[in-house]
Amino acid sequence: MMFALPSQLRRNGVLNMNKRNIDYISRYNPRKFYKRVDDKLTTKQLALDNNIAVPDLIGVIHEQHQIASITLMVRGRTGFVIKPSKGSGGKGILVITKVVDDRYFKPNGNEVTPSELDRHVSNILSGLFSLGGKPDVAIVEGLIEFDPVFDGYSYEGVPDIRLIVFKGYPVMGMLRLSTSASDGKANLHQGAVGVGVDIATGKGLHAVQFDSPIEFHPDTGKKLIDIVVPHWDTLLHTASKAYEMCEMGYLGTDMVLDQSKGPLLLELNARPGLAIQIANGKGLLPRLQHVESIKGPTATVEERVAYAKANFAG
């Protein structure tokens, strides 16, 4: 671990879970708006209504009897993604990157049989992966063709960009890169690599895996801090715009870069994790307090992005 003693954590401005929950989530995220971020289907519709690009929606499975329609739904597709609408932490997401004669293959080459796929969707509907175990729906989305700029930086999976947005200001960013340990998923708890990203430039600053600093990708050997995220300004503007879209003051935005469509919003998170601080090698608290000190009328998206780039670089 990078930080050890409570006194060291405080000196480094690290936001802990209790302070995050009480001073930021409870204070700035109205409970009545949680569905806007906890339900991915609702988020997708909100994004479309606000001219924010999202992955293609192939279909939605609401009931057990509809599961049989998936084969026809995805026929002709080279790949697709099935995810729970109310899932969290990357749980329940099934990525299929190859379809051959109604046979489905994961990024690692393992085959998913039709019965396994049906069972997975059935588990989603029963609430196995949803917050609180409540019944859910399964979203079937188009496969993202990730930007070739990330070649060698991610292993068998699509890298994503997490930005923490506070009162509409992007305050900290991280690139999440899948590994063999994470089974192609960009989830840090499962072994993905987190790369802290400079808010001003989109350049890599510092990288970690399992909370420990690393220099090279464990599977590809690529030097991690050499990366520069393209379309960085668009990503910052999209994240900042999500503040008005969902009316949540403390927010995590997860985005991807599609080779042909550019930046796409994947999902929003009202309780974003704190590992982004480890990936950046610095605490969130000073930046949050800085934003809280800003007075005057509400700034525009463009003004907030410019302010963040000027004040939260490095």
Protein backbone atom coordinates (compact mmCIF):
# COMPACT_ATOMS: atom_id res chain seq x y z
CA MET A 1 0.00 0.00 0.00
CA MET A 2 1.18 3.49 -0.76
CA PHE A 3 -0.16 5.05 2.46
CA ALA A 4 -0.08 3.41 5.86
CA LEU A 5 -0.69 5.50 8.99
CA PRO A 6 -3.81 7.67 9.48
CA SER A 7 -1.58 10.69 9.97
CA GLN A 8 0.08 10.03 6.61
CA LEU A 9 -3.31 9.67 4.96
CA ARG A 10 -4.45 13.03 6.36
CA ARG A 11 -1.24 14.76 5.29
CA ASN A 12 -1.69 13.44 1.76
CA GLY A 13 -5.29 14.67 1.61
CA VAL A 14 -6.70 11.17 1.18
CA LEU A 15 -10.48 10.93 1.27
CA ASN A 16 -11.59 7.97 3.38
CA MET A 17 -14.84 6.07 3.01
CA ASN A 18 -16.62 7.57 6.04
CA LYS A 19 -15.85 11.15 4.99
CA ARG A 20 -16.82 10.36 1.39
CA ASN A 21 -20.15 8.89 2.49
CA ILE A 22 -21.07 11.60 5.01
CA ASP A 23 -19.59 14.80 3.61
CA TYR A 24 -19.95 14.19 -0.11
CA ILE A 25 -22.33 11.39 -1.11
CA SER A 26 -25.00 12.10 1.53
CA ARG A 27 -24.67 15.85 1.21
CA TYR A 28 -24.46 16.28 -2.57
CA ASN A 29 -26.32 13.27 -4.03
CA PRO A 30 -30.11 13.58 -3.53
CA ARG A 31 -31.62 10.17 -2.88
CA LYS A 32 -34.51 10.88 -5.28
CA PHE A 33 -32.09 10.97 -8.22
CA TYR A 34 -30.24 7.71 -7.51
CA LYS A 35 -32.18 5.77 -10.15
CA ARG A 36 -30.62 8.01 -12.78
CA VAL A 37 -27.23 6.44 -12.07
CA ASP A 38 -28.05 3.08 -10.44
CA ASP A 39 -30.18 1.94 -13.37
CA LYS A 40 -28.04 1.70 -16.52
CA LEU A 41 -31.07 1.67 -18.79
CA THR A 42 -32.28 4.96 -17.28
CA THR A 43 -28.77 6.41 -17.58
CA LYS A 44 -28.61 5.43 -21.25
CA GLN A 45 -31.93 7.13 -22.01
CA LEU A 46 -30.91 10.26 -20.10
CA ALA A 47 -27.64 10.39 -22.03
CA LEU A 48 -29.40 10.08 -25.38
CA ASP A 49 -31.82 12.85 -24.36
CA ASN A 50 -28.79 15.04 -23.59
CA ASN A 51 -26.92 14.27 -26.82
CA ILE A 52 -24.28 12.19 -25.06
CA ALA A 53 -23.07 9.20 -27.10
CA VAL A 54 -23.52 5.71 -25.61
CA PRO A 55 -22.97 2.13 -26.89
CA ASP A 56 -25.65 0.76 -29.24
CA LEU A 57 -28.67 -0.77 -27.53
CA ILE A 58 -29.49 -4.10 -29.20
CA GLY A 59 -32.29 -5.05 -26.85
CA VAL A 60 -33.55 -5.52 -23.30
CA ILE A 61 -34.62 -8.78 -21.67
CA HIS A 62 -37.31 -8.13 -19.04
CA GLU A 63 -38.78 -11.59 -18.46
CA GLN A 64 -37.49 -15.17 -18.31
CA HIS A 65 -39.54 -16.20 -21.36
CA GLN A 66 -37.73 -13.57 -23.47
CA ILE A 67 -34.32 -15.20 -22.96
CA ALA A 68 -34.89 -17.47 -25.97
CA SER A 69 -34.95 -14.39 -28.22
CA ILE A 70 -31.30 -13.47 -27.58
CA THR A 71 -29.95 -15.80 -30.30
CA LEU A 72 -32.03 -14.03 -32.93
CA MET A 73 -31.33 -10.63 -31.36
CA VAL A 74 -27.54 -10.93 -31.78
CA ARG A 75 -27.49 -12.89 -35.06
CA GLY A 76 -25.27 -11.16 -37.59
CA ARG A 77 -23.26 -9.43 -34.86
CA THR A 78 -19.52 -10.07 -34.49
CA GLY A 79 -19.85 -9.57 -30.75
CA PHE A 80 -22.04 -8.13 -28.01
CA VAL A 81 -22.21 -7.37 -24.29
CA ILE A 82 -24.86 -8.48 -21.80
CA LYS A 83 -25.05 -6.60 -18.51
CA PRO A 84 -27.42 -6.16 -15.56
CA SER A 85 -29.15 -2.79 -15.57
CA LYS A 86 -28.70 -2.42 -11.80
CA GLY A 87 -25.36 -4.16 -11.40
CA SER A 88 -22.32 -2.68 -9.68
CA GLY A 89 -18.56 -3.22 -9.59
CA GLY A 90 -18.48 -4.88 -13.00
CA LYS A 91 -20.43 -7.91 -11.74
CA GLY A 92 -22.60 -9.81 -14.17
CA ILE A 93 -21.11 -8.30 -17.34
CA LEU A 94 -20.62 -10.89 -20.08
CA VAL A 95 -18.50 -9.82 -23.05
CA ILE A 96 -18.69 -11.84 -26.26
CA THR A 97 -16.08 -10.84 -28.84
CA LYS A 98 -16.65 -13.56 -31.42
CA VAL A 99 -19.80 -15.20 -32.80
CA VAL A 100 -19.55 -18.20 -35.14
CA ASP A 101 -22.74 -20.05 -36.19
CA ASP A 102 -24.55 -19.18 -32.97
CA ARG A 103 -21.48 -20.12 -30.93
CA TYR A 104 -20.21 -17.46 -28.54
CA PHE A 105 -16.64 -16.77 -27.43
CA LYS A 106 -15.26 -14.58 -24.64
CA PRO A 107 -12.16 -12.36 -25.10
CA ASN A 108 -9.91 -15.13 -23.73
CA GLY A 109 -11.17 -17.56 -26.37
CA ASN A 110 -13.33 -19.65 -24.04
CA GLU A 111 -16.67 -20.67 -25.48
CA VAL A 112 -19.95 -19.77 -23.80
CA THR A 113 -22.60 -22.32 -24.70
CA PRO A 114 -26.17 -21.20 -25.40
CA SER A 115 -27.30 -22.84 -22.15
CA GLU A 116 -24.58 -21.00 -20.20
CA LEU A 117 -25.63 -17.73 -21.81
CA ASP A 118 -29.28 -18.41 -20.97
CA ARG A 119 -28.39 -19.24 -17.38
CA HIS A 120 -26.33 -16.04 -17.06
CA VAL A 121 -29.24 -13.90 -18.27
CA SER A 122 -31.61 -15.78 -15.97
CA ASN A 123 -29.30 -14.96 -13.05
CA ILE A 124 -29.35 -11.29 -14.05
CA LEU A 125 -33.16 -11.23 -14.08
CA SER A 126 -33.31 -12.90 -10.66
CA GLY A 127 -31.14 -10.12 -9.19
CA LEU A 128 -27.96 -12.12 -8.58
CA PHE A 129 -25.78 -9.16 -9.62
CA SER A 130 -28.02 -6.21 -8.75
CA LEU A 131 -27.76 -3.80 -5.85
CA GLY A 132 -29.70 -5.29 -2.96
CA GLY A 133 -30.48 -8.46 -4.89
CA LYS A 134 -33.62 -6.99 -6.42
CA PRO A 135 -35.06 -8.36 -9.69
CA ASP A 136 -33.37 -6.80 -12.70
CA VAL A 137 -33.39 -6.60 -16.49
CA ALA A 138 -30.60 -7.63 -18.88
CA ILE A 139 -29.25 -5.06 -21.35
CA VAL A 140 -27.81 -6.35 -24.63
CA GLU A 141 -25.40 -3.82 -26.14
CA GLY A 142 -23.19 -3.58 -29.20
CA LEU A 143 -19.55 -4.50 -28.78
CA ILE A 144 -17.15 -1.58 -28.42
CA GLU A 145 -14.23 -1.59 -30.85
CA PHE A 146 -11.62 0.08 -28.71
CA ASP A 147 -9.32 2.73 -30.11
CA PRO A 148 -6.01 1.25 -31.41
CA VAL A 149 -4.13 3.88 -29.40
CA PHE A 150 -4.62 1.45 -26.49
CA ASP A 151 -2.96 -1.51 -28.25
CA GLY A 152 -0.67 -3.20 -25.75
CA TYR A 153 -2.06 -1.26 -22.81
CA SER A 154 -5.01 -3.55 -22.18
CA TYR A 155 -5.28 -7.34 -22.22
CA GLU A 156 -8.34 -9.02 -23.77
CA GLY A 157 -10.68 -6.22 -22.81
CA VAL A 158 -11.81 -2.67 -23.44
CA PRO A 159 -10.02 -0.01 -21.36
CA ASP A 160 -12.21 2.62 -19.75
CA ILE A 161 -11.74 6.09 -18.33
CA ARG A 162 -13.08 6.94 -14.87
CA LEU A 163 -13.45 10.62 -14.00
CA ILE A 164 -14.55 11.90 -10.61
CA VAL A 165 -16.79 14.93 -11.06
CA PHE A 166 -17.65 17.21 -8.15
CA LYS A 167 -20.28 19.92 -8.61
CA GLY A 168 -19.62 19.61 -12.34
CA TYR A 169 -15.81 19.95 -12.10
CA PRO A 170 -13.69 16.98 -13.24
CA VAL A 171 -11.28 16.67 -10.30
CA MET A 172 -9.42 13.38 -10.84
CA GLY A 173 -9.04 10.84 -13.63
CA MET A 174 -7.92 7.26 -14.07
CA LEU A 175 -7.53 4.83 -16.96
CA ARG A 176 -8.52 1.25 -16.09
CA LEU A 177 -6.81 -1.46 -18.12
CA SER A 178 -7.80 -5.11 -18.13
CA THR A 179 -5.32 -7.90 -17.43
CA SER A 180 -5.31 -11.69 -17.50
CA ALA A 181 -5.90 -11.56 -13.74
CA SER A 182 -9.04 -9.45 -14.21
CA ASP A 183 -10.43 -11.79 -16.92
CA GLY A 184 -10.56 -8.99 -19.47
CA LYS A 185 -12.59 -6.69 -17.19
CA ALA A 186 -11.52 -3.15 -16.25
CA ASN A 187 -12.22 -3.63 -12.54
CA LEU A 188 -9.39 -2.83 -10.12
CA HIS A 189 -10.65 -5.19 -7.42
CA GLN A 190 -10.41 -8.05 -9.92
CA GLY A 191 -6.82 -7.22 -10.87
CA ALA A 192 -7.10 -4.57 -13.57
CA VAL A 193 -4.41 -1.89 -13.75
CA GLY A 194 -5.25 1.68 -12.73
CA VAL A 195 -3.31 4.51 -14.34
CA GLY A 196 -3.70 7.98 -12.86
CA VAL A 197 -4.23 10.53 -15.64
CA ASP A 198 -3.34 14.22 -15.69
CA ILE A 199 -6.56 16.26 -15.77
CA ALA A 200 -4.89 18.91 -17.93
CA THR A 201 -3.41 16.69 -20.65
CA GLY A 202 -4.75 13.11 -20.43
CA LYS A 203 -1.21 11.78 -19.94
CA GLY A 204 -0.44 8.87 -17.64
CA LEU A 205 1.07 9.84 -14.28
CA HIS A 206 1.33 6.77 -12.07
CA ALA A 207 0.14 3.15 -12.25
CA VAL A 208 -0.96 0.49 -9.77
CA GLN A 209 -2.23 -3.08 -9.67
CA PHE A 210 -3.73 -4.55 -6.49
CA ASP A 211 -2.91 -1.19 -4.82
CA SER A 212 0.84 -1.57 -5.49
CA PRO A 213 2.83 0.65 -7.87
CA ILE A 214 3.85 -0.91 -11.18
CA GLU A 215 5.69 0.46 -14.19
CA PHE A 216 4.80 -1.99 -16.96
CA HIS A 217 1.60 -3.81 -17.93
CA PRO A 218 1.86 -7.29 -16.37
CA ASP A 219 0.77 -9.08 -19.56
CA THR A 220 2.06 -6.94 -22.42
CA GLY A 221 5.13 -5.27 -20.89
CA LYS A 222 4.03 -1.86 -22.16
CA LYS A 223 5.27 1.12 -20.11
CA LEU A 224 2.09 2.44 -18.56
CA ILE A 225 2.78 6.11 -17.97
CA ASP A 226 3.70 6.61 -21.63
CA ILE A 227 0.04 6.59 -22.53
CA VAL A 228 -1.80 9.74 -23.56
CA VAL A 229 -5.60 9.41 -23.75
CA PRO A 230 -6.96 10.86 -27.01
CA HIS A 231 -10.16 12.95 -27.21
CA TRP A 232 -9.32 14.13 -23.69
CA ASP A 233 -11.23 17.41 -23.91
CA THR A 234 -14.34 15.62 -25.14
CA LEU A 235 -14.10 13.17 -22.25
CA LEU A 236 -13.80 16.03 -19.75
CA HIS A 237 -16.76 17.87 -21.26
CA THR A 238 -18.89 14.71 -21.29
CA ALA A 239 -18.09 14.04 -17.63
CA SER A 240 -18.84 17.63 -16.66
CA LYS A 241 -22.12 17.60 -18.61
CA ALA A 242 -23.25 14.53 -16.64
CA TYR A 243 -23.61 16.79 -13.59
CA GLU A 244 -26.58 18.63 -15.10
CA MET A 245 -27.89 15.43 -16.63
CA CYS A 246 -28.30 13.49 -13.39
CA GLU A 247 -28.15 16.32 -10.79
CA MET A 248 -25.67 14.41 -8.62
CA GLY A 249 -22.95 16.52 -7.03
CA TYR A 250 -20.41 13.74 -6.35
CA LEU A 251 -20.16 11.41 -9.30
CA GLY A 252 -18.02 8.85 -11.08
CA THR A 253 -18.29 8.78 -14.89
CA ASP A 254 -17.08 5.72 -16.81
CA MET A 255 -16.36 6.18 -20.51
CA VAL A 256 -14.71 4.29 -23.35
CA LEU A 257 -13.18 5.25 -26.68
CA ASP A 258 -14.69 3.51 -29.69
CA GLN A 259 -12.53 3.35 -32.81
CA SER A 260 -15.21 4.84 -35.07
CA LYS A 261 -17.64 6.55 -32.67
CA GLY A 262 -15.15 8.22 -30.33
CA PRO A 263 -15.96 8.74 -26.62
CA LEU A 264 -18.99 6.83 -25.31
CA LEU A 265 -20.53 7.06 -21.85
CA LEU A 266 -20.79 3.60 -20.28
CA GLU A 267 -22.29 4.37 -16.90
CA LEU A 268 -22.43 6.73 -13.94
CA ASN A 269 -21.72 5.94 -10.31
CA ALA A 270 -23.11 7.77 -7.28
CA ARG A 271 -20.65 5.96 -4.99
CA PRO A 272 -17.38 5.92 -6.92
CA GLY A 273 -14.58 3.98 -5.24
CA LEU A 274 -11.54 5.57 -3.66
CA ALA A 275 -8.80 3.57 -5.42
CA ILE A 276 -8.45 6.39 -7.94
CA GLN A 277 -6.38 8.15 -5.28
CA ILE A 278 -3.89 5.28 -5.20
CA ALA A 279 -3.69 5.26 -9.00
CA ASN A 280 -2.91 9.00 -8.96
CA GLY A 281 -0.58 8.90 -5.95
CA LYS A 282 -2.49 11.76 -4.33
CA GLY A 283 -5.61 12.44 -2.31
CA LEU A 284 -8.94 13.76 -3.53
CA LEU A 285 -9.79 15.85 -0.51
CA PRO A 286 -7.84 19.05 -1.36
CA ARG A 287 -9.47 19.15 -4.79
CA LEU A 288 -12.95 18.64 -3.39
CA GLN A 289 -12.39 21.35 -0.78
CA HIS A 290 -11.04 23.65 -3.51
CA VAL A 291 -14.27 23.24 -5.51
CA GLU A 292 -16.36 23.82 -2.37
CA SER A 293 -14.60 27.15 -1.91
CA ILE A 294 -15.57 28.44 -5.37
CA LYS A 295 -18.12 31.26 -5.07
CA GLY A 296 -20.34 32.98 -7.57
CA PRO A 297 -22.89 31.88 -10.17
CA THR A 298 -22.90 28.35 -11.58
CA ALA A 299 -20.22 28.03 -14.23
CA THR A 300 -20.86 26.55 -17.68
CA VAL A 301 -19.47 23.15 -18.71
CA GLU A 302 -16.74 24.88 -20.74
CA GLU A 303 -15.79 27.11 -17.81
CA ARG A 304 -15.69 24.19 -15.37
CA VAL A 305 -13.46 22.12 -17.65
CA ALA A 306 -11.08 25.02 -18.21
CA TYR A 307 -10.94 25.67 -14.48
CA ALA A 308 -10.23 22.02 -13.69
CA LYS A 309 -7.42 21.84 -16.27
CA ALA A 310 -5.85 24.97 -14.82
CA ASN A 311 -6.15 24.00 -11.16
CA PHE A 312 -5.97 20.18 -10.94
CA ALA A 313 -3.11 19.37 -13.30
CA GLY A 314 -0.54 16.78 -12.34
